[in-house]
C-alpha atoms as a PDB file:
ATOM      1  CA  MET A   1     164.387  56.309   6.923  1.00  0.00           C
ATOM      2  CA  LYS A   2     163.088  56.997   3.428  1.00  0.00           C
ATOM      3  CA  GLU A   3     162.512  60.644   2.579  1.00  0.00           C
ATOM      4  CA  ILE A   4     159.473  61.606   0.519  1.00  0.00           C
ATOM      5  CA  GLU A   5     158.438  64.934  -0.934  1.00  0.00           C
ATOM      6  CA  VAL A   6     155.124  66.309   0.299  1.00  0.00           C
ATOM      7  CA  ILE A   7     153.590  69.558  -0.849  1.00  0.00           C
ATOM      8  CA  ILE A   8     151.484  71.325   1.768  1.00  0.00           C
ATOM      9  CA  ASP A   9     148.966  73.814   0.382  1.00  0.00           C
ATOM     10  CA  THR A  10     147.409  76.108   2.979  1.00  0.00           C
ATOM     11  CA  GLU A  11     144.414  76.699   0.692  1.00  0.00           C
ATOM     12  CA  GLU A  12     143.816  72.948   0.667  1.00  0.00           C
ATOM     13  CA  ILE A  13     144.149  72.870   4.462  1.00  0.00           C
ATOM     14  CA  ALA A  14     141.610  75.703   4.758  1.00  0.00           C
ATOM     15  CA  GLU A  15     139.159  73.871   2.481  1.00  0.00           C
ATOM     16  CA  PHE A  16     139.565  70.664   4.498  1.00  0.00           C
ATOM     17  CA  PHE A  17     138.886  72.473   7.778  1.00  0.00           C
ATOM     18  CA  PHE A  18     135.897  74.282   6.264  1.00  0.00           C
ATOM     19  CA  HIS A  19     134.217  71.007   5.282  1.00  0.00           C
ATOM     20  CA  GLU A  20     135.046  69.339   8.591  1.00  0.00           C
ATOM     21  CA  LEU A  21     133.821  72.297  10.664  1.00  0.00           C
ATOM     22  CA  VAL A  22     130.583  72.595   8.659  1.00  0.00           C
ATOM     23  CA  LYS A  23     129.909  68.882   9.222  1.00  0.00           C
ATOM     24  CA  ARG A  24     130.208  69.602  12.949  1.00  0.00           C
ATOM     25  CA  GLY A  25     127.816  72.550  12.824  1.00  0.00           C
ATOM     26  CA  TYR A  26     130.296  75.438  12.662  1.00  0.00           C
ATOM     27  CA  VAL A  27     130.372  78.092   9.960  1.00  0.00           C
ATOM     28  CA  PRO A  28     133.852  79.633   9.945  1.00  0.00           C
ATOM     29  CA  THR A  29     134.668  82.823   8.076  1.00  0.00           C
ATOM     30  CA  GLU A  30     137.277  82.889   5.324  1.00  0.00           C
ATOM     31  CA  GLU A  31     139.624  84.822   7.633  1.00  0.00           C
ATOM     32  CA  GLU A  32     139.218  82.213  10.392  1.00  0.00           C
ATOM     33  CA  LEU A  33     139.978  79.421   7.925  1.00  0.00           C
ATOM     34  CA  GLU A  34     143.125  81.183   6.727  1.00  0.00           C
ATOM     35  CA  GLU A  35     144.282  81.520  10.339  1.00  0.00           C
ATOM     36  CA  ILE A  36     143.577  77.840  11.039  1.00  0.00           C
ATOM     37  CA  ALA A  37     145.484  76.816   7.899  1.00  0.00           C
ATOM     38  CA  ASP A  38     148.448  79.008   8.862  1.00  0.00           C
ATOM     39  CA  ILE A  39     148.454  77.644  12.412  1.00  0.00           C
ATOM     40  CA  THR A  40     148.346  74.081  11.067  1.00  0.00           C
ATOM     41  CA  PHE A  41     151.265  74.805   8.740  1.00  0.00           C
ATOM     42  CA  GLU A  42     153.271  76.353  11.598  1.00  0.00           C
ATOM     43  CA  TYR A  43     152.497  73.323  13.771  1.00  0.00           C
ATOM     44  CA  LEU A  44     153.824  70.949  11.104  1.00  0.00           C
ATOM     45  CA  LEU A  45     156.995  73.056  10.846  1.00  0.00           C
ATOM     46  CA  ASP A  46     157.407  73.219  14.615  1.00  0.00           C
ATOM     47  CA  LYS A  47     157.113  69.437  14.952  1.00  0.00           C
ATOM     48  CA  SER A  48     159.622  68.947  12.111  1.00  0.00           C
ATOM     49  CA  ILE A  49     157.035  67.031  10.120  1.00  0.00           C
ATOM     50  CA  ILE A  50     157.735  69.293   7.153  1.00  0.00           C
ATOM     51  CA  ASP A  51     160.468  71.689   6.064  1.00  0.00           C
ATOM     52  CA  GLU A  52     159.582  74.985   4.487  1.00  0.00           C
ATOM     53  CA  GLU A  53     160.926  75.383   0.973  1.00  0.00           C
ATOM     54  CA  VAL A  54     160.717  78.807  -0.647  1.00  0.00           C
ATOM     55  CA  ASP A  55     160.336  79.074  -4.413  1.00  0.00           C
ATOM     56  CA  ASN A  56     162.969  81.324  -5.976  1.00  0.00           C
ATOM     57  CA  GLU A  57     161.081  82.113  -9.156  1.00  0.00           C
END
């Protein structure tokens, strides 16, 4: 299987969920969006869809 590099940005996830939830009539708070983004990231890790890479800068 070919390996590709994907960068997951939790801020981008939060923005995506914000727009999708607003379209469905929900108005989430910034804190709720951050939690949803973190949960989504953890889900992707748990399912081995992504690997967490820590920057050593």
